[in-house]
Amino acid sequence: MPMDLKDKNVEKNKHFLMSVEFAVQGVKTVFEEERNMRKHVAFGILALFMGVIFQLDRIEWLWLLLAVFLVWIVEIINTVFENVVDMFTDFHFHPIGKKIKDMAAGAVLV
């Protein structure tokens, strides 16, 4: 749910559950709007399934979980950068905006 004029809450979230609710909404928004996020989630789940098949030990599971969640986190950050650039450029091309988007996408790739 994008923020719009109907969202008149000008105070900070007073309860932890409100913060969690907004965070979950943010993750849902990225999943619904970003094709690459859906792909990363699918491949992450596949990697976890393969971990079960190959019977990873505890340390291997920790590394696999770290890798999967880092990809998801960096994809969310990439989406934030893309949206901020689009907001400031009003969806018009700008060479600096392109650099920002390319660097954020590169962070996901690495």
PDB file of N, CA and C in Angstrom:
ATOM      1  N   MET A   1       0.853  -1.167   0.000  1.00  0.00           N
ATOM      2  CA  MET A   1       0.000   0.000   0.000  1.00  0.00           C
ATOM      3  C   MET A   1       0.901   1.233   0.000  1.00  0.00           C
ATOM      4  N   PRO A   2       0.965   1.970  -1.098  1.00  0.00           N
ATOM      5  CA  PRO A   2       1.801   3.154  -1.135  1.00  0.00           C
ATOM      6  C   PRO A   2       1.242   4.239  -0.223  1.00  0.00           C
ATOM      7  N   MET A   3       2.165   5.066   0.253  1.00  0.00           N
ATOM      8  CA  MET A   3       1.724   6.183   1.086  1.00  0.00           C
ATOM      9  C   MET A   3       1.032   7.197   0.190  1.00  0.00           C
ATOM     10  N   ASP A   4      -0.067   7.719   0.633  1.00  0.00           N
ATOM     11  CA  ASP A   4      -0.761   8.745  -0.125  1.00  0.00           C
ATOM     12  C   ASP A   4      -1.415   9.709   0.847  1.00  0.00           C
ATOM     13  N   LEU A   5      -2.247  10.577   0.332  1.00  0.00           N
ATOM     14  CA  LEU A   5      -2.861  11.593   1.168  1.00  0.00           C
ATOM     15  C   LEU A   5      -3.793  11.010   2.219  1.00  0.00           C
ATOM     16  N   LYS A   6      -4.250   9.777   2.016  1.00  0.00           N
ATOM     17  CA  LYS A   6      -5.129   9.152   3.004  1.00  0.00           C
ATOM     18  C   LYS A   6      -4.364   8.773   4.269  1.00  0.00           C
ATOM     19  N   ASP A   7      -3.050   8.596   4.140  1.00  0.00           N
ATOM     20  CA  ASP A   7      -2.229   8.212   5.280  1.00  0.00           C
ATOM     21  C   ASP A   7      -1.895   9.469   6.067  1.00  0.00           C
ATOM     22  N   LYS A   8      -2.673   9.752   7.082  1.00  0.00           N
ATOM     23  CA  LYS A   8      -2.520  10.998   7.822  1.00  0.00           C
ATOM     24  C   LYS A   8      -1.758  10.813   9.130  1.00  0.00           C
ATOM     25  N   ASN A   9      -1.187   9.644   9.341  1.00  0.00           N
ATOM     26  CA  ASN A   9      -0.440   9.387  10.561  1.00  0.00           C
ATOM     27  C   ASN A   9       0.844  10.206  10.545  1.00  0.00           C
ATOM     28  N   VAL A  10       0.948  11.179  11.438  1.00  0.00           N
ATOM     29  CA  VAL A  10       2.136  12.026  11.484  1.00  0.00           C
ATOM     30  C   VAL A  10       2.994  11.701  12.700  1.00  0.00           C
ATOM     31  N   GLU A  11       2.564  10.764  13.514  1.00  0.00           N
ATOM     32  CA  GLU A  11       3.315  10.372  14.693  1.00  0.00           C
ATOM     33  C   GLU A  11       4.121   9.115  14.400  1.00  0.00           C
ATOM     34  N   LYS A  12       5.142   8.918  15.226  1.00  0.00           N
ATOM     35  CA  LYS A  12       5.904   7.679  15.113  1.00  0.00           C
ATOM     36  C   LYS A  12       5.034   6.507  15.532  1.00  0.00           C
ATOM     37  N   ASN A  13       5.409   5.332  15.070  1.00  0.00           N
ATOM     38  CA  ASN A  13       4.691   4.127  15.487  1.00  0.00           C
ATOM     39  C   ASN A  13       4.859   3.963  16.993  1.00  0.00           C
ATOM     40  N   LYS A  14       3.751   3.877  17.687  1.00  0.00           N
ATOM     41  CA  LYS A  14       3.814   3.799  19.142  1.00  0.00           C
ATOM     42  C   LYS A  14       3.969   2.376  19.641  1.00  0.00           C
ATOM     43  N   HIS A  15       3.682   1.417  18.811  1.00  0.00           N
ATOM     44  CA  HIS A  15       3.738   0.027  19.235  1.00  0.00           C
ATOM     45  C   HIS A  15       4.629  -0.765  18.292  1.00  0.00           C
ATOM     46  N   PHE A  16       5.328  -1.713  18.865  1.00  0.00           N
ATOM     47  CA  PHE A  16       6.217  -2.561  18.087  1.00  0.00           C
ATOM     48  C   PHE A  16       5.468  -3.277  16.971  1.00  0.00           C
ATOM     49  N   LEU A  17       4.264  -3.743  17.265  1.00  0.00           N
ATOM     50  CA  LEU A  17       3.500  -4.476  16.255  1.00  0.00           C
ATOM     51  C   LEU A  17       3.139  -3.600  15.062  1.00  0.00           C
ATOM     52  N   MET A  18       2.954  -2.302  15.286  1.00  0.00           N
ATOM     53  CA  MET A  18       2.705  -1.401  14.153  1.00  0.00           C
ATOM     54  C   MET A  18       3.932  -1.350  13.249  1.00  0.00           C
ATOM     55  N   SER A  19       5.113  -1.285  13.849  1.00  0.00           N
ATOM     56  CA  SER A  19       6.349  -1.273  13.067  1.00  0.00           C
ATOM     57  C   SER A  19       6.504  -2.560  12.271  1.00  0.00           C
ATOM     58  N   VAL A  20       6.203  -3.675  12.907  1.00  0.00           N
ATOM     59  CA  VAL A  20       6.295  -4.967  12.221  1.00  0.00           C
ATOM     60  C   VAL A  20       5.299  -5.020  11.070  1.00  0.00           C
ATOM     61  N   GLU A  21       4.100  -4.521  11.302  1.00  0.00           N
ATOM     62  CA  GLU A  21       3.076  -4.521  10.253  1.00  0.00           C
ATOM     63  C   GLU A  21       3.538  -3.730   9.031  1.00  0.00           C
ATOM     64  N   PHE A  22       4.133  -2.556   9.259  1.00  0.00           N
ATOM     65  CA  PHE A  22       4.621  -1.751   8.139  1.00  0.00           C
ATOM     66  C   PHE A  22       5.796  -2.434   7.442  1.00  0.00           C
ATOM     67  N   ALA A  23       6.665  -3.083   8.202  1.00  0.00           N
ATOM     68  CA  ALA A  23       7.795  -3.789   7.604  1.00  0.00           C
ATOM     69  C   ALA A  23       7.319  -4.945   6.729  1.00  0.00           C
ATOM     70  N   VAL A  24       6.348  -5.697   7.220  1.00  0.00           N
ATOM     71  CA  VAL A  24       5.793  -6.810   6.437  1.00  0.00           C
ATOM     72  C   VAL A  24       5.139  -6.273   5.170  1.00  0.00           C
ATOM     73  N   GLN A  25       4.442  -5.155   5.283  1.00  0.00           N
ATOM     74  CA  GLN A  25       3.821  -4.539   4.108  1.00  0.00           C
ATOM     75  C   GLN A  25       4.882  -4.149   3.077  1.00  0.00           C
ATOM     76  N   GLY A  26       6.024  -3.652   3.553  1.00  0.00           N
ATOM     77  CA  GLY A  26       7.114  -3.305   2.643  1.00  0.00           C
ATOM     78  C   GLY A  26       7.655  -4.511   1.902  1.00  0.00           C
ATOM     79  N   VAL A  27       7.840  -5.612   2.613  1.00  0.00           N
ATOM     80  CA  VAL A  27       8.328  -6.839   1.974  1.00  0.00           C
ATOM     81  C   VAL A  27       7.303  -7.347   0.965  1.00  0.00           C
ATOM     82  N   LYS A  28       6.019  -7.304   1.329  1.00  0.00           N
ATOM     83  CA  LYS A  28       4.971  -7.728   0.393  1.00  0.00           C
ATOM     84  C   LYS A  28       4.978  -6.857  -0.860  1.00  0.00           C
ATOM     85  N   THR A  29       5.166  -5.561  -0.689  1.00  0.00           N
ATOM     86  CA  THR A  29       5.179  -4.648  -1.831  1.00  0.00           C
ATOM     87  C   THR A  29       6.319  -4.990  -2.779  1.00  0.00           C
ATOM     88  N   VAL A  30       7.513  -5.224  -2.232  1.00  0.00           N
ATOM     89  CA  VAL A  30       8.655  -5.586  -3.079  1.00  0.00           C
ATOM     90  C   VAL A  30       8.363  -6.889  -3.809  1.00  0.00           C
ATOM     91  N   PHE A  31       7.811  -7.867  -3.107  1.00  0.00           N
ATOM     92  CA  PHE A  31       7.524  -9.159  -3.725  1.00  0.00           C
ATOM     93  C   PHE A  31       6.490  -9.020  -4.836  1.00  0.00           C
ATOM     94  N   GLU A  32       5.468  -8.201  -4.624  1.00  0.00           N
ATOM     95  CA  GLU A  32       4.406  -8.039  -5.619  1.00  0.00           C
ATOM     96  C   GLU A  32       4.859  -7.220  -6.825  1.00  0.00           C
ATOM     97  N   GLU A  33       5.722  -6.234  -6.619  1.00  0.00           N
ATOM     98  CA  GLU A  33       6.063  -5.298  -7.691  1.00  0.00           C
ATOM     99  C   GLU A  33       7.354  -5.626  -8.428  1.00  0.00           C
ATOM    100  N   GLU A  34       8.238  -6.400  -7.825  1.00  0.00           N
ATOM    101  CA  GLU A  34       9.550  -6.640  -8.426  1.00  0.00           C
ATOM    102  C   GLU A  34       9.693  -8.088  -8.883  1.00  0.00           C
ATOM    103  N   ARG A  35       9.779  -8.264 -10.190  1.00  0.00           N
ATOM    104  CA  ARG A  35       9.938  -9.600 -10.771  1.00  0.00           C
ATOM    105  C   ARG A  35      11.225 -10.262 -10.261  1.00  0.00           C
ATOM    106  N   ASN A  36      12.310  -9.482 -10.182  1.00  0.00           N
ATOM    107  CA  ASN A  36      13.576 -10.055  -9.732  1.00  0.00           C
ATOM    108  C   ASN A  36      13.498 -10.561  -8.294  1.00  0.00           C
ATOM    109  N   MET A  37      12.732  -9.885  -7.454  1.00  0.00           N
ATOM    110  CA  MET A  37      12.587 -10.357  -6.076  1.00  0.00           C
ATOM    111  C   MET A  37      11.886 -11.710  -6.061  1.00  0.00           C
ATOM    112  N   ARG A  38      10.866 -11.856  -6.884  1.00  0.00           N
ATOM    113  CA  ARG A  38      10.174 -13.147  -6.951  1.00  0.00           C
ATOM    114  C   ARG A  38      11.130 -14.245  -7.423  1.00  0.00           C
ATOM    115  N   LYS A  39      11.993 -13.913  -8.385  1.00  0.00           N
ATOM    116  CA  LYS A  39      12.979 -14.890  -8.855  1.00  0.00           C
ATOM    117  C   LYS A  39      13.964 -15.236  -7.744  1.00  0.00           C
ATOM    118  N   HIS A  40      14.444 -14.217  -7.029  1.00  0.00           N
ATOM    119  CA  HIS A  40      15.398 -14.467  -5.941  1.00  0.00           C
ATOM    120  C   HIS A  40      14.773 -15.327  -4.843  1.00  0.00           C
ATOM    121  N   VAL A  41      13.523 -15.083  -4.531  1.00  0.00           N
ATOM    122  CA  VAL A  41      12.842 -15.896  -3.515  1.00  0.00           C
ATOM    123  C   VAL A  41      12.708 -17.334  -4.010  1.00  0.00           C
ATOM    124  N   ALA A  42      12.322 -17.504  -5.267  1.00  0.00           N
ATOM    125  CA  ALA A  42      12.172 -18.859  -5.815  1.00  0.00           C
ATOM    126  C   ALA A  42      13.506 -19.605  -5.793  1.00  0.00           C
ATOM    127  N   PHE A  43      14.576 -18.945  -6.235  1.00  0.00           N
ATOM    128  CA  PHE A  43      15.884 -19.608  -6.234  1.00  0.00           C
ATOM    129  C   PHE A  43      16.393 -19.833  -4.814  1.00  0.00           C
ATOM    130  N   GLY A  44      16.067 -18.920  -3.905  1.00  0.00           N
ATOM    131  CA  GLY A  44      16.452 -19.113  -2.510  1.00  0.00           C
ATOM    132  C   GLY A  44      15.775 -20.324  -1.908  1.00  0.00           C
ATOM    133  N   ILE A  45      14.486 -20.475  -2.183  1.00  0.00           N
ATOM    134  CA  ILE A  45      13.757 -21.648  -1.689  1.00  0.00           C
ATOM    135  C   ILE A  45      14.317 -22.918  -2.321  1.00  0.00           C
ATOM    136  N   LEU A  46      14.646 -22.850  -3.614  1.00  0.00           N
ATOM    137  CA  LEU A  46      15.263 -24.000  -4.282  1.00  0.00           C
ATOM    138  C   LEU A  46      16.599 -24.352  -3.620  1.00  0.00           C
ATOM    139  N   ALA A  47      17.399 -23.339  -3.306  1.00  0.00           N
ATOM    140  CA  ALA A  47      18.686 -23.589  -2.648  1.00  0.00           C
ATOM    141  C   ALA A  47      18.483 -24.239  -1.282  1.00  0.00           C
ATOM    142  N   LEU A  48      17.483 -23.776  -0.538  1.00  0.00           N
ATOM    143  CA  LEU A  48      17.202 -24.374   0.771  1.00  0.00           C
ATOM    144  C   LEU A  48      16.732 -25.820   0.621  1.00  0.00           C
ATOM    145  N   PHE A  49      15.915 -26.075  -0.391  1.00  0.00           N
ATOM    146  CA  PHE A  49      15.461 -27.439  -0.669  1.00  0.00           C
ATOM    147  C   PHE A  49      16.655 -28.332  -1.007  1.00  0.00           C
ATOM    148  N   MET A  50      17.582 -27.798  -1.803  1.00  0.00           N
ATOM    149  CA  MET A  50      18.777 -28.570  -2.151  1.00  0.00           C
ATOM    150  C   MET A  50      19.631 -28.830  -0.913  1.00  0.00           C
ATOM    151  N   GLY A  51      19.625 -27.882   0.018  1.00  0.00           N
ATOM    152  CA  GLY A  51      20.339 -28.100   1.273  1.00  0.00           C
ATOM    153  C   GLY A  51      19.790 -29.285   2.042  1.00  0.00           C
ATOM    154  N   VAL A  52      18.471 -29.459   1.989  1.00  0.00           N
ATOM    155  CA  VAL A  52      17.850 -30.621   2.638  1.00  0.00           C
ATOM    156  C   VAL A  52      18.283 -31.897   1.923  1.00  0.00           C
ATOM    157  N   ILE A  53      18.251 -31.874   0.598  1.00  0.00           N
ATOM    158  CA  ILE A  53      18.615 -33.065  -0.187  1.00  0.00           C
ATOM    159  C   ILE A  53      20.068 -33.468   0.069  1.00  0.00           C
ATOM    160  N   PHE A  54      20.968 -32.474   0.114  1.00  0.00           N
ATOM    161  CA  PHE A  54      22.391 -32.773   0.310  1.00  0.00           C
ATOM    162  C   PHE A  54      22.776 -32.895   1.779  1.00  0.00           C
ATOM    163  N   GLN A  55      21.810 -32.817   2.667  1.00  0.00           N
ATOM    164  CA  GLN A  55      22.019 -32.990   4.104  1.00  0.00           C
ATOM    165  C   GLN A  55      23.190 -32.152   4.623  1.00  0.00           C
ATOM    166  N   LEU A  56      23.058 -30.859   4.477  1.00  0.00           N
ATOM    167  CA  LEU A  56      24.105 -29.950   4.927  1.00  0.00           C
ATOM    168  C   LEU A  56      24.277 -30.036   6.439  1.00  0.00           C
ATOM    169  N   ASP A  57      25.520 -29.819   6.878  1.00  0.00           N
ATOM    170  CA  ASP A  57      25.731 -29.770   8.327  1.00  0.00           C
ATOM    171  C   ASP A  57      25.395 -28.361   8.833  1.00  0.00           C
ATOM    172  N   ARG A  58      25.512 -28.166  10.133  1.00  0.00           N
ATOM    173  CA  ARG A  58      25.068 -26.914  10.751  1.00  0.00           C
ATOM    174  C   ARG A  58      25.778 -25.684  10.171  1.00  0.00           C
ATOM    175  N   ILE A  59      27.079 -25.753  10.016  1.00  0.00           N
ATOM    176  CA  ILE A  59      27.834 -24.607   9.489  1.00  0.00           C
ATOM    177  C   ILE A  59      27.447 -24.328   8.046  1.00  0.00           C
ATOM    178  N   GLU A  60      27.284 -25.354   7.236  1.00  0.00           N
ATOM    179  CA  GLU A  60      26.869 -25.161   5.843  1.00  0.00           C
ATOM    180  C   GLU A  60      25.479 -24.530   5.772  1.00  0.00           C
ATOM    181  N   TRP A  61      24.582 -24.936   6.681  1.00  0.00           N
ATOM    182  CA  TRP A  61      23.247 -24.324   6.724  1.00  0.00           C
ATOM    183  C   TRP A  61      23.346 -22.842   7.056  1.00  0.00           C
ATOM    184  N   LEU A  62      24.204 -22.507   8.000  1.00  0.00           N
ATOM    185  CA  LEU A  62      24.353 -21.095   8.368  1.00  0.00           C
ATOM    186  C   LEU A  62      24.858 -20.271   7.186  1.00  0.00           C
ATOM    187  N   TRP A  63      25.833 -20.792   6.457  1.00  0.00           N
ATOM    188  CA  TRP A  63      26.351 -20.079   5.288  1.00  0.00           C
ATOM    189  C   TRP A  63      25.288 -19.958   4.195  1.00  0.00           C
ATOM    190  N   LEU A  64      24.552 -21.038   3.978  1.00  0.00           N
ATOM    191  CA  LEU A  64      23.500 -21.000   2.956  1.00  0.00           C
ATOM    192  C   LEU A  64      22.418 -19.994   3.331  1.00  0.00           C
ATOM    193  N   LEU A  65      21.967 -20.032   4.583  1.00  0.00           N
ATOM    194  CA  LEU A  65      20.947 -19.072   5.030  1.00  0.00           C
ATOM    195  C   LEU A  65      21.453 -17.637   4.932  1.00  0.00           C
ATOM    196  N   LEU A  66      22.709 -17.419   5.308  1.00  0.00           N
ATOM    197  CA  LEU A  66      23.293 -16.082   5.201  1.00  0.00           C
ATOM    198  C   LEU A  66      23.285 -15.609   3.750  1.00  0.00           C
ATOM    199  N   ALA A  67      23.709 -16.476   2.837  1.00  0.00           N
ATOM    200  CA  ALA A  67      23.751 -16.103   1.420  1.00  0.00           C
ATOM    201  C   ALA A  67      22.359 -15.799   0.879  1.00  0.00           C
ATOM    202  N   VAL A  68      21.392 -16.647   1.186  1.00  0.00           N
ATOM    203  CA  VAL A  68      20.030 -16.456   0.676  1.00  0.00           C
ATOM    204  C   VAL A  68      19.440 -15.156   1.213  1.00  0.00           C
ATOM    205  N   PHE A  69      19.547 -14.948   2.522  1.00  0.00           N
ATOM    206  CA  PHE A  69      18.952 -13.742   3.101  1.00  0.00           C
ATOM    207  C   PHE A  69      19.688 -12.478   2.679  1.00  0.00           C
ATOM    208  N   LEU A  70      21.004 -12.554   2.467  1.00  0.00           N
ATOM    209  CA  LEU A  70      21.724 -11.372   1.979  1.00  0.00           C
ATOM    210  C   LEU A  70      21.253 -10.973   0.587  1.00  0.00           C
ATOM    211  N   VAL A  71      21.031 -11.947  -0.272  1.00  0.00           N
ATOM    212  CA  VAL A  71      20.519 -11.629  -1.611  1.00  0.00           C
ATOM    213  C   VAL A  71      19.161 -10.949  -1.493  1.00  0.00           C
ATOM    214  N   TRP A  72      18.279 -11.485  -0.653  1.00  0.00           N
ATOM    215  CA  TRP A  72      16.946 -10.889  -0.486  1.00  0.00           C
ATOM    216  C   TRP A  72      17.044  -9.472   0.080  1.00  0.00           C
ATOM    217  N   ILE A  73      17.896  -9.276   1.070  1.00  0.00           N
ATOM    218  CA  ILE A  73      18.042  -7.954   1.691  1.00  0.00           C
ATOM    219  C   ILE A  73      18.593  -6.949   0.693  1.00  0.00           C
ATOM    220  N   VAL A  74      19.628  -7.338  -0.041  1.00  0.00           N
ATOM    221  CA  VAL A  74      20.232  -6.410  -1.003  1.00  0.00           C
ATOM    222  C   VAL A  74      19.261  -6.119  -2.144  1.00  0.00           C
ATOM    223  N   GLU A  75      18.437  -7.071  -2.529  1.00  0.00           N
ATOM    224  CA  GLU A  75      17.420  -6.813  -3.558  1.00  0.00           C
ATOM    225  C   GLU A  75      16.401  -5.789  -3.059  1.00  0.00           C
ATOM    226  N   ILE A  76      16.032  -5.869  -1.797  1.00  0.00           N
ATOM    227  CA  ILE A  76      15.118  -4.863  -1.242  1.00  0.00           C
ATOM    228  C   ILE A  76      15.779  -3.488  -1.241  1.00  0.00           C
ATOM    229  N   ILE A  77      17.048  -3.423  -0.844  1.00  0.00           N
ATOM    230  CA  ILE A  77      17.768  -2.141  -0.850  1.00  0.00           C
ATOM    231  C   ILE A  77      17.887  -1.613  -2.271  1.00  0.00           C
ATOM    232  N   ASN A  78      18.161  -2.487  -3.239  1.00  0.00           N
ATOM    233  CA  ASN A  78      18.218  -2.091  -4.644  1.00  0.00           C
ATOM    234  C   ASN A  78      16.892  -1.476  -5.087  1.00  0.00           C
ATOM    235  N   THR A  79      15.799  -2.089  -4.687  1.00  0.00           N
ATOM    236  CA  THR A  79      14.473  -1.577  -5.043  1.00  0.00           C
ATOM    237  C   THR A  79      14.239  -0.202  -4.430  1.00  0.00           C
ATOM    238  N   VAL A  80      14.706  -0.011  -3.204  1.00  0.00           N
ATOM    239  CA  VAL A  80      14.588   1.309  -2.567  1.00  0.00           C
ATOM    240  C   VAL A  80      15.336   2.350  -3.391  1.00  0.00           C
ATOM    241  N   PHE A  81      16.575   2.054  -3.776  1.00  0.00           N
ATOM    242  CA  PHE A  81      17.348   2.995  -4.598  1.00  0.00           C
ATOM    243  C   PHE A  81      16.631   3.300  -5.909  1.00  0.00           C
ATOM    244  N   GLU A  82      16.120   2.267  -6.564  1.00  0.00           N
ATOM    245  CA  GLU A  82      15.421   2.480  -7.831  1.00  0.00           C
ATOM    246  C   GLU A  82      14.209   3.386  -7.653  1.00  0.00           C
ATOM    247  N   ASN A  83      13.450   3.165  -6.593  1.00  0.00           N
ATOM    248  CA  ASN A  83      12.263   3.989  -6.355  1.00  0.00           C
ATOM    249  C   ASN A  83      12.621   5.425  -6.002  1.00  0.00           C
ATOM    250  N   VAL A  84      13.678   5.618  -5.234  1.00  0.00           N
ATOM    251  CA  VAL A  84      14.095   6.982  -4.886  1.00  0.00           C
ATOM    252  C   VAL A  84      14.566   7.721  -6.137  1.00  0.00           C
ATOM    253  N   VAL A  85      15.348   7.049  -6.982  1.00  0.00           N
ATOM    254  CA  VAL A  85      15.796   7.683  -8.229  1.00  0.00           C
ATOM    255  C   VAL A  85      14.601   8.032  -9.102  1.00  0.00           C
ATOM    256  N   ASP A  86      13.661   7.111  -9.244  1.00  0.00           N
ATOM    257  CA  ASP A  86      12.470   7.381 -10.054  1.00  0.00           C
ATOM    258  C   ASP A  86      11.671   8.549  -9.490  1.00  0.00           C
ATOM    259  N   MET A  87      11.597   8.640  -8.165  1.00  0.00           N
ATOM    260  CA  MET A  87      10.853   9.731  -7.545  1.00  0.00           C
ATOM    261  C   MET A  87      11.522  11.079  -7.838  1.00  0.00           C
ATOM    262  N   PHE A  88      12.850  11.136  -7.704  1.00  0.00           N
ATOM    263  CA  PHE A  88      13.544  12.401  -7.907  1.00  0.00           C
ATOM    264  C   PHE A  88      13.641  12.803  -9.373  1.00  0.00           C
ATOM    265  N   THR A  89      13.715  11.825 -10.276  1.00  0.00           N
ATOM    266  CA  THR A  89      13.832  12.158 -11.695  1.00  0.00           C
ATOM    267  C   THR A  89      12.483  12.192 -12.391  1.00  0.00           C
ATOM    268  N   ASP A  90      11.420  11.895 -11.641  1.00  0.00           N
ATOM    269  CA  ASP A  90      10.065  11.853 -12.196  1.00  0.00           C
ATOM    270  C   ASP A  90      10.011  10.909 -13.402  1.00  0.00           C
ATOM    271  N   PHE A  91      10.720   9.788 -13.289  1.00  0.00           N
ATOM    272  CA  PHE A  91      10.765   8.732 -14.303  1.00  0.00           C
ATOM    273  C   PHE A  91      11.409   9.182 -15.617  1.00  0.00           C
ATOM    274  N   HIS A  92      12.194  10.252 -15.572  1.00  0.00           N
ATOM    275  CA  HIS A  92      12.934  10.693 -16.749  1.00  0.00           C
ATOM    276  C   HIS A  92      14.383  10.240 -16.616  1.00  0.00           C
ATOM    277  N   PHE A  93      15.020   9.996 -17.760  1.00  0.00           N
ATOM    278  CA  PHE A  93      16.411   9.550 -17.736  1.00  0.00           C
ATOM    279  C   PHE A  93      17.314  10.653 -17.197  1.00  0.00           C
ATOM    280  N   HIS A  94      18.234  10.252 -16.341  1.00  0.00           N
ATOM    281  CA  HIS A  94      19.287  11.143 -15.874  1.00  0.00           C
ATOM    282  C   HIS A  94      20.541  10.288 -15.713  1.00  0.00           C
ATOM    283  N   PRO A  95      21.695  10.758 -16.212  1.00  0.00           N
ATOM    284  CA  PRO A  95      22.896   9.915 -16.169  1.00  0.00           C
ATOM    285  C   PRO A  95      23.312   9.524 -14.746  1.00  0.00           C
ATOM    286  N   ILE A  96      23.141  10.413 -13.794  1.00  0.00           N
ATOM    287  CA  ILE A  96      23.493  10.064 -12.413  1.00  0.00           C
ATOM    288  C   ILE A  96      22.491   9.044 -11.867  1.00  0.00           C
ATOM    289  N   GLY A  97      21.226   9.204 -12.208  1.00  0.00           N
ATOM    290  CA  GLY A  97      20.225   8.221 -11.804  1.00  0.00           C
ATOM    291  C   GLY A  97      20.558   6.845 -12.348  1.00  0.00           C
ATOM    292  N   LYS A  98      21.027   6.803 -13.603  1.00  0.00           N
ATOM    293  CA  LYS A  98      21.418   5.525 -14.204  1.00  0.00           C
ATOM    294  C   LYS A  98      22.585   4.909 -13.441  1.00  0.00           C
ATOM    295  N   LYS A  99      23.571   5.741 -13.080  1.00  0.00           N
ATOM    296  CA  LYS A  99      24.716   5.233 -12.325  1.00  0.00           C
ATOM    297  C   LYS A  99      24.271   4.645 -10.988  1.00  0.00           C
ATOM    298  N   ILE A 100      23.371   5.345 -10.302  1.00  0.00           N
ATOM    299  CA  ILE A 100      22.889   4.865  -9.002  1.00  0.00           C
ATOM    300  C   ILE A 100      22.185   3.524  -9.166  1.00  0.00           C
ATOM    301  N   LYS A 101      21.302   3.444 -10.155  1.00  0.00           N
ATOM    302  CA  LYS A 101      20.568   2.192 -10.373  1.00  0.00           C
ATOM    303  C   LYS A 101      21.513   1.058 -10.762  1.00  0.00           C
ATOM    304  N   ASP A 102      22.488   1.343 -11.622  1.00  0.00           N
ATOM    305  CA  ASP A 102      23.440   0.315 -12.040  1.00  0.00           C
ATOM    306  C   ASP A 102      24.278  -0.176 -10.863  1.00  0.00           C
ATOM    307  N   MET A 103      24.714   0.758 -10.006  1.00  0.00           N
ATOM    308  CA  MET A 103      25.521   0.355  -8.854  1.00  0.00           C
ATOM    309  C   MET A 103      24.703  -0.476  -7.868  1.00  0.00           C
ATOM    310  N   ALA A 104      23.453  -0.094  -7.653  1.00  0.00           N
ATOM    311  CA  ALA A 104      22.597  -0.862  -6.744  1.00  0.00           C
ATOM    312  C   ALA A 104      22.342  -2.260  -7.306  1.00  0.00           C
ATOM    313  N   ALA A 105      22.123  -2.353  -8.617  1.00  0.00           N
ATOM    314  CA  ALA A 105      21.935  -3.667  -9.242  1.00  0.00           C
ATOM    315  C   ALA A 105      23.220  -4.485  -9.149  1.00  0.00           C
ATOM    316  N   GLY A 106      24.360  -3.812  -9.295  1.00  0.00           N
ATOM    317  CA  GLY A 106      25.642  -4.500  -9.151  1.00  0.00           C
ATOM    318  C   GLY A 106      25.841  -5.080  -7.759  1.00  0.00           C
ATOM    319  N   ALA A 107      25.332  -4.374  -6.748  1.00  0.00           N
ATOM    320  CA  ALA A 107      25.432  -4.885  -5.372  1.00  0.00           C
ATOM    321  C   ALA A 107      24.674  -6.197  -5.231  1.00  0.00           C
ATOM    322  N   VAL A 108      23.543  -6.319  -5.899  1.00  0.00           N
ATOM    323  CA  VAL A 108      22.783  -7.575  -5.850  1.00  0.00           C
ATOM    324  C   VAL A 108      23.569  -8.669  -6.566  1.00  0.00           C
ATOM    325  N   LEU A 109      24.175  -8.320  -7.686  1.00  0.00           N
ATOM    326  CA  LEU A 109      24.929  -9.296  -8.465  1.00  0.00           C
ATOM    327  C   LEU A 109      26.116  -9.846  -7.684  1.00  0.00           C
ATOM    328  N   VAL A 110      26.809  -8.965  -6.984  1.00  0.00           N
ATOM    329  CA  VAL A 110      28.000  -9.383  -6.228  1.00  0.00           C
ATOM    330  C   VAL A 110      27.586 -10.232  -5.054  1.00  0.00           C
TER     331      VAL A 110
END
